């Protein structure tokens, strides 16, 4: 008798987190693209976010496209303590680490590029370092949104990197990023309907550009 091949379990996110910094001065900065992605999901799904002190963040929940229950979270702890807020939600609802999808900015990806993965290291991102530490795992899906490197990146020092990350997008970049955020909503919806692994094929193969406007 041949043994049945067991299919790997689908990874379907139950908590979607966007990383960023609170305070108006950080609004619309490159480092806050994770917050912008959560706002886009909240609008698209008509799932309002409200401050939740217990979770140290803005939180919302409801039924996602595809029919399952989903939770949205923007940690208000500042980037380097994001994990505290995420752990507050996962502990309260007893969610496994692999059910958490984290969306954040990545300088190593060019503008218009997104990368969805099932696991991985923090890659130098303080918000992810905190998340990995608090979840005691790096086996959870993450969706990175490219913010590009500062011009002349090979010679740039830390201060240039910081001003790039905490800077705002130009007019043309803002137009591009609004298209990217629409695509991010598609990627997340696909992850919820078909699992993260299937969604990776679509989200990692496409580069969004302004010709789509």
Protein backbone atom coordinates (compact mmCIF):
# COMPACT_ATOMS: atom_id res chain seq x y z
CA UNK A 1 0.00 0.00 0.00
CA UNK A 2 1.41 3.38 -0.92
CA UNK A 3 1.42 5.95 1.82
CA UNK A 4 -0.65 9.06 1.20
CA UNK A 5 1.44 12.16 0.72
CA UNK A 6 0.48 14.66 3.39
CA UNK A 7 -0.02 18.13 2.04
CA UNK A 8 1.65 20.90 4.07
CA UNK A 9 -0.91 22.84 6.09
CA UNK A 10 -1.94 26.14 4.54
CA UNK A 11 -0.61 29.19 6.35
CA UNK A 12 -3.61 31.54 6.63
CA UNK A 13 -2.95 34.78 8.55
CA UNK A 14 -5.25 35.56 11.48
CA UNK A 15 -3.50 38.73 12.67
CA UNK A 16 -2.12 41.27 10.19
CA UNK A 17 0.32 43.80 11.61
CA UNK A 18 1.69 46.94 9.98
CA UNK A 19 4.88 48.35 11.51
CA UNK A 20 5.49 52.08 11.96
CA UNK A 21 5.95 54.88 14.47
CA UNK A 22 3.11 56.84 16.09
CA UNK A 23 3.09 60.69 16.17
CA UNK A 24 2.13 62.96 13.26
CA UNK A 25 5.77 63.74 12.39
CA UNK A 26 6.19 60.14 11.17
CA UNK A 27 3.03 60.14 9.01
CA UNK A 28 3.64 59.34 5.35
CA UNK A 29 7.34 58.57 5.91
CA UNK A 30 8.98 55.63 4.18
CA UNK A 31 9.47 53.84 7.52
CA UNK A 32 5.70 54.01 8.12
CA UNK A 33 4.64 52.22 4.93
CA UNK A 34 3.49 49.30 7.14
CA UNK A 35 1.00 51.64 8.84
CA UNK A 36 -0.13 52.89 5.42
CA UNK A 37 -0.70 49.27 4.32
CA UNK A 38 -2.88 48.61 7.39
CA UNK A 39 -4.87 51.77 6.70
CA UNK A 40 -5.40 50.55 3.11
CA UNK A 41 -6.66 47.16 4.37
CA UNK A 42 -8.89 48.86 6.95
CA UNK A 43 -10.46 51.06 4.24
CA UNK A 44 -10.79 48.27 1.70
CA UNK A 45 -12.45 45.87 4.16
CA UNK A 46 -14.43 48.59 6.00
CA UNK A 47 -12.82 47.37 9.22
CA UNK A 48 -12.18 50.47 11.38
CA UNK A 49 -9.17 50.67 13.69
CA UNK A 50 -9.47 52.13 17.19
CA UNK A 51 -6.90 52.58 19.94
CA UNK A 52 -6.82 49.58 22.28
CA UNK A 53 -4.80 50.21 25.44
CA UNK A 54 -4.57 46.54 26.36
CA UNK A 55 -2.91 45.82 23.01
CA UNK A 56 -0.84 49.06 22.98
CA UNK A 57 -1.98 49.74 19.44
CA UNK A 58 -4.75 50.59 17.03
CA UNK A 59 -6.80 47.44 16.56
CA UNK A 60 -9.74 46.22 14.50
CA UNK A 61 -11.32 42.88 13.66
CA UNK A 62 -13.96 41.45 11.36
CA UNK A 63 -14.63 39.06 8.51
CA UNK A 64 -12.07 39.23 5.73
CA UNK A 65 -12.60 38.55 2.02
CA UNK A 66 -12.65 34.77 1.86
CA UNK A 67 -14.86 34.45 4.91
CA UNK A 68 -12.47 33.96 7.83
CA UNK A 69 -12.09 36.17 10.88
CA UNK A 70 -9.09 38.48 10.74
CA UNK A 71 -7.53 41.02 13.10
CA UNK A 72 -5.63 44.19 12.16
CA UNK A 73 -3.00 45.87 14.37
CA UNK A 74 -0.84 49.00 14.23
CA UNK A 75 1.48 48.91 17.28
CA UNK A 76 1.74 52.33 18.97
CA UNK A 77 4.83 51.35 20.99
CA UNK A 78 7.35 52.86 18.53
CA UNK A 79 9.10 50.67 16.01
CA UNK A 80 11.76 49.10 18.23
CA UNK A 81 9.16 47.82 20.71
CA UNK A 82 6.58 46.60 18.16
CA UNK A 83 6.80 43.06 19.53
CA UNK A 84 5.22 44.07 22.87
CA UNK A 85 2.00 45.07 21.15
CA UNK A 86 1.97 42.02 18.86
CA UNK A 87 2.57 39.65 21.78
CA UNK A 88 -0.27 41.30 23.73
CA UNK A 89 -2.68 40.29 20.94
CA UNK A 90 -1.28 36.80 20.30
CA UNK A 91 -1.29 35.98 24.03
CA UNK A 92 -4.85 37.27 24.52
CA UNK A 93 -6.28 35.32 21.58
CA UNK A 94 -3.84 32.38 21.87
CA UNK A 95 -2.65 32.80 18.27
CA UNK A 96 0.37 30.82 17.04
CA UNK A 97 3.32 32.81 15.65
CA UNK A 98 2.79 31.45 12.13
CA UNK A 99 -0.69 33.05 12.00
CA UNK A 100 0.84 36.57 12.26
CA UNK A 101 1.54 38.41 8.98
CA UNK A 102 3.81 41.44 9.48
CA UNK A 103 4.01 44.20 6.83
CA UNK A 104 6.98 46.57 6.88
CA UNK A 105 9.41 48.68 4.85
CA UNK A 106 12.61 47.34 3.27
CA UNK A 107 15.46 49.48 1.92
CA UNK A 108 17.00 46.51 0.11
CA UNK A 109 14.00 46.26 -2.20
CA UNK A 110 13.48 48.88 -4.92
CA UNK A 111 10.34 51.03 -4.95
CA UNK A 112 7.44 49.15 -6.50
CA UNK A 113 8.68 45.73 -5.37
CA UNK A 114 7.07 43.57 -2.69
CA UNK A 115 8.37 40.35 -1.18
CA UNK A 116 6.23 37.83 0.72
CA UNK A 117 7.98 35.14 2.78
CA UNK A 118 6.92 32.41 5.23
CA UNK A 119 9.82 33.07 7.64
CA UNK A 120 13.22 34.71 7.92
CA UNK A 121 15.56 36.88 9.97
CA UNK A 122 15.02 40.52 10.97
CA UNK A 123 17.48 41.71 8.31
CA UNK A 124 18.52 44.64 10.49
CA UNK A 125 14.95 45.97 10.88
CA UNK A 126 14.36 47.02 14.52
CA UNK A 127 10.62 46.40 14.37
CA UNK A 128 11.24 42.85 13.18
CA UNK A 129 13.96 42.25 15.78
CA UNK A 130 11.43 43.14 18.48
CA UNK A 131 8.70 41.00 16.86
CA UNK A 132 10.96 37.93 16.60
CA UNK A 133 12.10 38.38 20.22
CA UNK A 134 8.54 38.66 21.58
CA UNK A 135 7.11 35.81 19.47
CA UNK A 136 10.20 33.66 20.27
CA UNK A 137 10.15 32.60 16.63
CA UNK A 138 11.05 33.81 13.16
CA UNK A 139 8.67 31.33 11.54
CA UNK A 140 5.88 33.75 10.73
CA UNK A 141 4.97 35.28 7.35
CA UNK A 142 6.07 38.77 6.44
CA UNK A 143 5.41 41.10 3.53
CA UNK A 144 8.19 43.59 2.82
CA UNK A 145 7.49 46.73 0.81
CA UNK A 146 10.45 48.21 -1.05
CA UNK A 147 11.33 51.81 -0.17
CA UNK A 148 14.63 51.89 -2.11
CA UNK A 149 18.00 53.09 -0.91
CA UNK A 150 19.15 56.72 -0.61
CA UNK A 151 20.85 58.10 -3.72
CA UNK A 152 24.54 57.21 -3.71
CA UNK A 153 23.74 54.48 -1.18
CA UNK A 154 27.15 52.83 -1.52
CA UNK A 155 28.77 55.87 0.09
CA UNK A 156 25.93 56.90 2.40
CA UNK A 157 26.48 57.07 6.15
CA UNK A 158 24.04 56.27 8.93
CA UNK A 159 22.64 59.80 9.05
CA UNK A 160 21.74 59.67 5.34
CA UNK A 161 20.09 56.29 5.83
CA UNK A 162 18.04 57.63 8.75
CA UNK A 163 16.96 60.73 6.84
CA UNK A 164 15.98 58.53 3.87
CA UNK A 165 13.95 56.12 6.00
CA UNK A 166 12.28 58.91 7.98
CA UNK A 167 11.83 61.09 4.90
CA UNK A 168 8.65 61.41 2.86
CA UNK A 169 8.05 60.10 -0.64
CA UNK A 170 8.30 62.54 -3.55
CA UNK A 171 5.18 63.33 -5.59
CA UNK A 172 6.00 60.68 -8.21
CA UNK A 173 6.90 58.13 -5.51
CA UNK A 174 3.64 58.83 -3.65
CA UNK A 175 1.70 58.04 -6.83
CA UNK A 176 3.66 54.80 -7.21
CA UNK A 177 3.20 53.82 -3.57
CA UNK A 178 -0.58 54.23 -3.77
CA UNK A 179 -0.51 51.60 -6.56
CA UNK A 180 1.82 49.42 -4.47
CA UNK A 181 -0.61 49.61 -1.54
CA UNK A 182 -3.48 48.49 -3.80
CA UNK A 183 -1.32 45.54 -4.82
CA UNK A 184 -0.49 44.80 -1.16
CA UNK A 185 -4.25 44.56 -0.43
CA UNK A 186 -4.54 42.03 -3.30
CA UNK A 187 -1.58 40.01 -1.93
CA UNK A 188 -3.02 39.90 1.58
CA UNK A 189 -6.46 38.90 0.30
CA UNK A 190 -4.86 36.10 -1.74
CA UNK A 191 -2.97 34.94 1.39
CA UNK A 192 -6.26 34.76 3.29
CA UNK A 193 -8.09 32.87 0.53
CA UNK A 194 -5.38 30.49 -0.71
CA UNK A 195 -2.61 30.60 1.90
CA UNK A 196 0.66 32.54 2.01
CA UNK A 197 2.61 30.06 -0.12
CA UNK A 198 0.28 30.42 -3.13
CA UNK A 199 0.20 34.19 -2.70
CA UNK A 200 4.02 34.32 -2.79
CA UNK A 201 4.05 33.33 -6.47
CA UNK A 202 2.03 36.39 -7.42
CA UNK A 203 3.39 38.92 -4.96
CA UNK A 204 7.06 38.18 -5.57
CA UNK A 205 6.97 38.08 -9.36
CA UNK A 206 5.53 41.49 -10.07
CA UNK A 207 6.98 44.99 -9.90
CA UNK A 208 4.41 47.77 -9.76
CA UNK A 209 5.23 50.80 -11.90
CA UNK A 210 3.61 54.15 -12.68
CA UNK A 211 2.52 53.05 -16.16
CA UNK A 212 -0.34 51.27 -14.37
CA UNK A 213 -1.76 54.56 -13.12
